[in-house]
């Protein structure tokens, strides 16, 4: 089962990837860095959601 943190995490990763790509295309290092940070935050949030899911299944 998918929880809110997993969904939000994947969405953040996608948004970050788009922002990173836009930064590369436009030559904006700031936007590219922001995209990388957002992607990393999304991975953390998804991992948290995965952990919550595992705990829930174990109970």
N, C-alpha and C. Protein backbone atom coordinates (compact mmCIF):
# COMPACT_ATOMS: atom_id res chain seq x y z
N UNK A 1 0.84 -1.19 0.00
CA UNK A 1 0.00 0.00 0.00
C UNK A 1 0.88 1.25 0.00
N UNK A 2 0.49 2.24 -0.71
CA UNK A 2 1.25 3.47 -0.84
C UNK A 2 0.69 4.51 0.14
N UNK A 3 1.59 5.19 0.86
CA UNK A 3 1.13 6.22 1.78
C UNK A 3 1.46 7.62 1.25
N UNK A 4 0.99 8.65 1.97
CA UNK A 4 1.16 10.03 1.51
C UNK A 4 2.62 10.43 1.36
N UNK A 5 3.47 9.98 2.28
CA UNK A 5 4.88 10.36 2.20
C UNK A 5 5.55 9.78 0.95
N UNK A 6 5.17 8.58 0.58
CA UNK A 6 5.74 7.97 -0.62
C UNK A 6 5.32 8.76 -1.86
N UNK A 7 4.06 9.12 -1.93
CA UNK A 7 3.54 9.86 -3.09
C UNK A 7 4.18 11.25 -3.17
N UNK A 8 4.21 11.95 -2.02
CA UNK A 8 4.81 13.29 -2.00
C UNK A 8 6.30 13.22 -2.34
N UNK A 9 6.97 12.19 -1.86
CA UNK A 9 8.39 12.04 -2.14
C UNK A 9 8.67 11.85 -3.62
N UNK A 10 7.88 11.01 -4.26
CA UNK A 10 8.06 10.78 -5.70
C UNK A 10 7.74 12.06 -6.48
N UNK A 11 6.72 12.79 -6.04
CA UNK A 11 6.36 14.04 -6.71
C UNK A 11 7.49 15.06 -6.58
N UNK A 12 8.10 15.15 -5.38
CA UNK A 12 9.22 16.07 -5.17
C UNK A 12 10.41 15.68 -6.05
N UNK A 13 10.65 14.39 -6.16
CA UNK A 13 11.76 13.93 -7.00
C UNK A 13 11.53 14.34 -8.45
N UNK A 14 10.32 14.17 -8.93
CA UNK A 14 9.99 14.52 -10.31
C UNK A 14 10.12 16.03 -10.53
N UNK A 15 9.60 16.80 -9.58
CA UNK A 15 9.67 18.26 -9.68
C UNK A 15 11.14 18.71 -9.67
N UNK A 16 11.93 18.09 -8.82
CA UNK A 16 13.35 18.42 -8.75
C UNK A 16 14.08 18.07 -10.03
N UNK A 17 13.73 16.93 -10.62
CA UNK A 17 14.37 16.51 -11.87
C UNK A 17 14.06 17.50 -12.99
N UNK A 18 12.82 17.96 -13.04
CA UNK A 18 12.43 18.94 -14.07
C UNK A 18 13.18 20.25 -13.85
N UNK A 19 13.25 20.68 -12.60
CA UNK A 19 13.94 21.93 -12.28
C UNK A 19 15.43 21.82 -12.61
N UNK A 20 16.02 20.67 -12.29
CA UNK A 20 17.43 20.45 -12.59
C UNK A 20 17.68 20.49 -14.09
N UNK A 21 16.82 19.82 -14.84
CA UNK A 21 16.97 19.80 -16.31
C UNK A 21 16.79 21.20 -16.88
N UNK A 22 15.83 21.95 -16.37
CA UNK A 22 15.62 23.32 -16.85
C UNK A 22 16.83 24.18 -16.56
N UNK A 23 17.43 23.96 -15.40
CA UNK A 23 18.64 24.71 -15.05
C UNK A 23 19.79 24.40 -15.99
N UNK A 24 19.91 23.12 -16.36
CA UNK A 24 20.97 22.73 -17.30
C UNK A 24 20.74 23.36 -18.66
N UNK A 25 19.49 23.31 -19.12
CA UNK A 25 19.17 23.84 -20.45
C UNK A 25 19.39 25.35 -20.51
N UNK A 26 18.97 26.05 -19.46
CA UNK A 26 19.09 27.51 -19.46
C UNK A 26 20.46 28.00 -18.99
N UNK A 27 21.27 27.07 -18.46
CA UNK A 27 22.58 27.46 -17.97
C UNK A 27 22.54 28.09 -16.59
N UNK A 28 21.44 27.90 -15.88
CA UNK A 28 21.28 28.47 -14.54
C UNK A 28 21.78 27.46 -13.50
N UNK A 29 22.95 27.73 -12.96
CA UNK A 29 23.52 26.83 -11.95
C UNK A 29 22.66 26.83 -10.69
N UNK A 30 22.08 27.98 -10.36
CA UNK A 30 21.23 28.08 -9.16
C UNK A 30 20.01 27.17 -9.30
N UNK A 31 19.34 27.24 -10.44
CA UNK A 31 18.15 26.42 -10.64
C UNK A 31 18.51 24.94 -10.65
N UNK A 32 19.63 24.62 -11.26
CA UNK A 32 20.09 23.23 -11.32
C UNK A 32 20.36 22.71 -9.90
N UNK A 33 21.01 23.53 -9.08
CA UNK A 33 21.31 23.14 -7.70
C UNK A 33 20.02 22.98 -6.88
N UNK A 34 19.08 23.90 -7.09
CA UNK A 34 17.79 23.81 -6.39
C UNK A 34 17.08 22.51 -6.76
N UNK A 35 17.16 22.14 -8.02
CA UNK A 35 16.54 20.90 -8.48
C UNK A 35 17.16 19.68 -7.83
N UNK A 36 18.49 19.69 -7.71
CA UNK A 36 19.18 18.57 -7.07
C UNK A 36 18.79 18.46 -5.60
N UNK A 37 18.69 19.60 -4.93
CA UNK A 37 18.29 19.61 -3.52
C UNK A 37 16.86 19.09 -3.37
N UNK A 38 15.98 19.52 -4.25
CA UNK A 38 14.58 19.09 -4.18
C UNK A 38 14.47 17.58 -4.43
N UNK A 39 15.26 17.08 -5.40
CA UNK A 39 15.27 15.64 -5.66
C UNK A 39 15.72 14.87 -4.43
N UNK A 40 16.77 15.35 -3.78
CA UNK A 40 17.29 14.68 -2.59
C UNK A 40 16.24 14.69 -1.48
N UNK A 41 15.56 15.82 -1.31
CA UNK A 41 14.49 15.90 -0.30
C UNK A 41 13.37 14.92 -0.60
N UNK A 42 13.06 14.76 -1.86
CA UNK A 42 12.03 13.80 -2.27
C UNK A 42 12.43 12.37 -1.97
N UNK A 43 13.71 12.06 -2.18
CA UNK A 43 14.20 10.71 -1.89
C UNK A 43 14.10 10.41 -0.40
N UNK A 44 14.45 11.41 0.42
CA UNK A 44 14.36 11.25 1.87
C UNK A 44 12.91 11.02 2.29
N UNK A 45 12.00 11.82 1.76
CA UNK A 45 10.60 11.70 2.12
C UNK A 45 10.04 10.35 1.68
N UNK A 46 10.41 9.89 0.50
CA UNK A 46 9.93 8.59 0.03
C UNK A 46 10.49 7.47 0.91
N UNK A 47 11.75 7.59 1.28
CA UNK A 47 12.36 6.58 2.16
C UNK A 47 11.64 6.53 3.50
N UNK A 48 11.27 7.70 4.02
CA UNK A 48 10.52 7.76 5.27
C UNK A 48 9.17 7.06 5.10
N UNK A 49 8.52 7.31 3.98
CA UNK A 49 7.24 6.66 3.70
C UNK A 49 7.39 5.15 3.56
N UNK A 50 8.49 4.72 2.93
CA UNK A 50 8.76 3.29 2.79
C UNK A 50 8.94 2.65 4.17
N UNK A 51 9.68 3.33 5.05
CA UNK A 51 9.91 2.82 6.40
C UNK A 51 8.60 2.72 7.18
N UNK A 52 7.76 3.76 7.06
CA UNK A 52 6.46 3.73 7.73
C UNK A 52 5.63 2.54 7.24
N UNK A 53 5.69 2.31 5.94
CA UNK A 53 4.93 1.21 5.34
C UNK A 53 5.42 -0.14 5.88
N UNK A 54 6.73 -0.30 5.99
CA UNK A 54 7.29 -1.56 6.50
C UNK A 54 6.87 -1.80 7.95
N UNK A 55 6.91 -0.73 8.75
CA UNK A 55 6.50 -0.86 10.16
C UNK A 55 5.03 -1.23 10.23
N UNK A 56 4.23 -0.59 9.42
CA UNK A 56 2.78 -0.86 9.42
C UNK A 56 2.49 -2.31 9.04
N UNK A 57 3.24 -2.81 8.04
CA UNK A 57 3.04 -4.20 7.61
C UNK A 57 3.51 -5.19 8.67
N UNK A 58 4.53 -4.80 9.42
CA UNK A 58 5.08 -5.70 10.45
C UNK A 58 4.13 -5.83 11.64
N UNK A 59 3.29 -4.84 11.86
CA UNK A 59 2.37 -4.89 13.01
C UNK A 59 1.13 -5.67 12.75
